[in-house]
């Protein structure tokens, strides 16, 4: 009798330990993947974005006339994206699920007025089976970045997946 009770208690204790370790593994957050790129390297660099988890930062310098196209599939609960700098445009979101998008523009007047600075941030929340698609022609030179992160601790079955990543550089002026 004592032997059966001891094995039952041992099995219960081992089950509790396994469940707690599995839960800790699901909740654990990895460091974000940060990739700095250029227009010519965007296609290769974007594929590295979600190699270490579901938080990623892709940034790079763009020139006027560069054509940028980035499409990411999301399958899960609680993602957030933020687009800043010269690529801060509201992307198209399609699929089945829930999302909301915001774009804010801040103008800080400077003296002289011609030196005022303008910053645009586009952000949104995504849940479901969704595709975020950003396709644009860059109008001003400068830095741009996209940040993708989880907004909650619920594990996702898959990490976001890059579907398309391309940048066609503006044609150089001929003289």
Protein backbone atom coordinates (compact mmCIF):
# COMPACT_ATOMS: atom_id res chain seq x y z
CA UNK A 1 0.00 0.00 0.00
CA UNK A 2 2.76 2.43 0.92
CA UNK A 3 4.59 1.58 -2.30
CA UNK A 4 1.52 2.41 -4.47
CA UNK A 5 0.98 5.68 -2.62
CA UNK A 6 4.66 6.65 -3.01
CA UNK A 7 4.63 5.94 -6.77
CA UNK A 8 1.38 7.93 -7.17
CA UNK A 9 2.84 10.93 -5.29
CA UNK A 10 6.09 10.67 -7.31
CA UNK A 11 4.17 10.58 -10.60
CA UNK A 12 2.11 13.58 -9.57
CA UNK A 13 5.21 15.53 -8.52
CA UNK A 14 7.03 14.71 -11.78
CA UNK A 15 3.95 15.75 -13.79
CA UNK A 16 3.85 19.09 -11.96
CA UNK A 17 7.55 19.68 -12.66
CA UNK A 18 7.18 18.84 -16.37
CA UNK A 19 4.15 21.11 -16.71
CA UNK A 20 5.91 24.00 -14.98
CA UNK A 21 9.00 23.63 -17.18
CA UNK A 22 6.86 23.45 -20.31
CA UNK A 23 4.96 26.57 -19.22
CA UNK A 24 8.20 28.43 -18.48
CA UNK A 25 9.47 27.50 -21.94
CA UNK A 26 6.34 28.89 -23.57
CA UNK A 27 6.38 32.13 -21.59
CA UNK A 28 10.13 32.78 -21.95
CA UNK A 29 10.88 35.73 -24.20
CA UNK A 30 13.88 35.65 -26.49
CA UNK A 31 15.90 38.74 -27.25
CA UNK A 32 14.56 40.49 -30.35
CA UNK A 33 16.21 39.90 -33.71
CA UNK A 34 17.62 43.21 -34.93
CA UNK A 35 18.63 43.51 -38.60
CA UNK A 36 20.07 46.64 -40.19
CA UNK A 37 19.87 46.55 -43.96
CA UNK A 38 20.08 48.52 -47.19
CA UNK A 39 17.82 48.55 -50.21
CA UNK A 40 20.06 46.09 -52.08
CA UNK A 41 20.15 43.66 -49.13
CA UNK A 42 16.53 43.89 -47.95
CA UNK A 43 15.38 40.64 -49.56
CA UNK A 44 18.08 38.51 -47.87
CA UNK A 45 18.10 40.38 -44.55
CA UNK A 46 14.33 40.30 -44.03
CA UNK A 47 14.36 36.49 -44.12
CA UNK A 48 16.48 36.54 -40.92
CA UNK A 49 13.88 38.54 -38.99
CA UNK A 50 12.04 35.84 -37.08
CA UNK A 51 14.89 33.31 -36.74
CA UNK A 52 14.99 33.64 -32.93
CA UNK A 53 11.39 34.23 -32.02
CA UNK A 54 8.50 36.54 -32.71
CA UNK A 55 10.03 39.92 -31.86
CA UNK A 56 11.98 41.60 -34.64
CA UNK A 57 13.36 44.96 -35.75
CA UNK A 58 14.29 45.71 -39.38
CA UNK A 59 15.82 49.08 -40.13
CA UNK A 60 17.67 50.68 -42.99
CA UNK A 61 18.41 53.77 -45.02
CA UNK A 62 16.21 54.59 -48.00
CA UNK A 63 16.57 57.01 -50.87
CA UNK A 64 13.83 58.96 -52.65
CA UNK A 65 12.27 56.79 -55.34
CA UNK A 66 13.13 53.45 -53.72
CA UNK A 67 10.21 51.04 -54.10
CA UNK A 68 9.78 48.99 -50.91
CA UNK A 69 7.49 45.96 -50.62
CA UNK A 70 7.20 43.97 -47.40
CA UNK A 71 4.50 41.38 -46.66
CA UNK A 72 4.34 39.39 -43.40
CA UNK A 73 1.93 36.59 -42.45
CA UNK A 74 0.77 36.44 -38.83
CA UNK A 75 -0.86 33.35 -37.34
CA UNK A 76 -1.64 33.86 -33.71
CA UNK A 77 -2.89 36.05 -30.93
CA UNK A 78 -1.54 39.45 -29.93
CA UNK A 79 1.00 40.95 -32.35
CA UNK A 80 1.91 44.62 -32.71
CA UNK A 81 3.72 46.40 -35.53
CA UNK A 82 5.25 49.86 -35.58
CA UNK A 83 6.50 51.55 -38.77
CA UNK A 84 8.67 54.62 -38.28
CA UNK A 85 10.71 57.01 -40.36
CA UNK A 86 10.48 57.16 -44.13
CA UNK A 87 8.50 53.88 -44.39
CA UNK A 88 5.81 54.94 -41.88
CA UNK A 89 2.74 54.33 -43.99
CA UNK A 90 -0.39 52.49 -43.04
CA UNK A 91 -0.11 48.98 -44.54
CA UNK A 92 -2.91 46.88 -45.97
CA UNK A 93 -4.09 44.13 -43.63
CA UNK A 94 -6.09 41.21 -45.04
CA UNK A 95 -7.23 37.81 -43.79
CA UNK A 96 -9.39 36.41 -41.01
CA UNK A 97 -9.04 37.96 -37.61
CA UNK A 98 -9.01 41.29 -35.82
CA UNK A 99 -6.76 44.29 -36.36
CA UNK A 100 -6.62 48.02 -35.88
CA UNK A 101 -4.20 50.55 -37.32
CA UNK A 102 -3.15 54.04 -36.31
CA UNK A 103 -1.05 56.65 -38.04
CA UNK A 104 0.11 59.73 -36.17
CA UNK A 105 2.00 62.72 -37.50
CA UNK A 106 3.87 65.11 -35.28
CA UNK A 107 5.26 68.41 -36.54
CA UNK A 108 7.67 70.24 -34.29
CA UNK A 109 8.19 73.83 -35.45
CA UNK A 110 11.73 75.05 -35.33
CA UNK A 111 13.25 78.42 -35.99
CA UNK A 112 13.48 79.12 -38.89
CA UNK A 113 10.18 77.56 -39.91
CA UNK A 114 11.78 75.82 -42.90
CA UNK A 115 13.75 73.68 -40.43
CA UNK A 116 10.65 72.18 -38.74
CA UNK A 117 10.74 68.44 -38.22
CA UNK A 118 7.94 66.04 -39.01
CA UNK A 119 7.72 62.50 -37.70
CA UNK A 120 5.19 59.88 -38.73
CA UNK A 121 4.49 56.64 -36.88
CA UNK A 122 2.14 53.96 -38.14
CA UNK A 123 1.24 51.18 -35.72
CA UNK A 124 -1.31 48.48 -35.28
CA UNK A 125 -2.44 45.39 -33.42
CA UNK A 126 -3.04 42.04 -35.12
CA UNK A 127 -4.76 38.82 -34.01
CA UNK A 128 -5.75 35.93 -36.27
CA UNK A 129 -4.65 34.62 -39.64
CA UNK A 130 -3.59 37.92 -41.22
CA UNK A 131 -1.21 39.35 -43.79
CA UNK A 132 0.28 42.82 -43.34
CA UNK A 133 1.34 44.23 -46.71
CA UNK A 134 3.37 47.43 -47.07
CA UNK A 135 4.15 48.60 -50.59
CA UNK A 136 5.33 52.13 -51.19
CA UNK A 137 7.59 54.49 -53.05
CA UNK A 138 9.88 56.32 -50.62
CA UNK A 139 9.53 60.09 -51.04
CA UNK A 140 12.30 61.42 -48.79
CA UNK A 141 15.75 60.11 -47.94
CA UNK A 142 16.30 58.82 -44.44
CA UNK A 143 16.03 55.98 -41.98
CA UNK A 144 13.02 53.72 -41.74
CA UNK A 145 12.20 50.79 -39.50
CA UNK A 146 9.58 48.20 -38.71
CA UNK A 147 9.23 46.65 -35.26
CA UNK A 148 7.11 43.52 -34.77
CA UNK A 149 6.46 42.18 -31.28
CA UNK A 150 4.08 40.12 -29.18
CA UNK A 151 1.65 42.06 -26.99
CA UNK A 152 0.93 39.21 -24.60
CA UNK A 153 2.45 36.05 -23.18
CA UNK A 154 0.21 33.65 -25.09
CA UNK A 155 2.41 31.36 -27.17
CA UNK A 156 1.97 31.32 -30.94
CA UNK A 157 1.93 28.12 -32.91
CA UNK A 158 4.19 29.70 -35.52
CA UNK A 159 6.30 32.84 -35.70
CA UNK A 160 5.40 35.53 -38.25
CA UNK A 161 6.65 34.66 -41.74
CA UNK A 162 8.10 36.97 -44.39
CA UNK A 163 6.18 36.43 -47.63
CA UNK A 164 7.69 39.22 -49.72
CA UNK A 165 10.62 41.53 -49.06
CA UNK A 166 12.00 43.61 -51.86
CA UNK A 167 13.46 47.02 -52.49
CA UNK A 168 14.05 48.35 -55.98
CA UNK A 169 16.49 51.21 -55.75
CA UNK A 170 15.69 54.46 -57.46
CA UNK A 171 17.34 54.82 -60.82
CA UNK A 172 20.53 56.84 -60.70
CA UNK A 173 20.31 60.08 -62.65
CA UNK A 174 22.20 59.99 -65.92
CA UNK A 175 24.26 62.93 -67.04
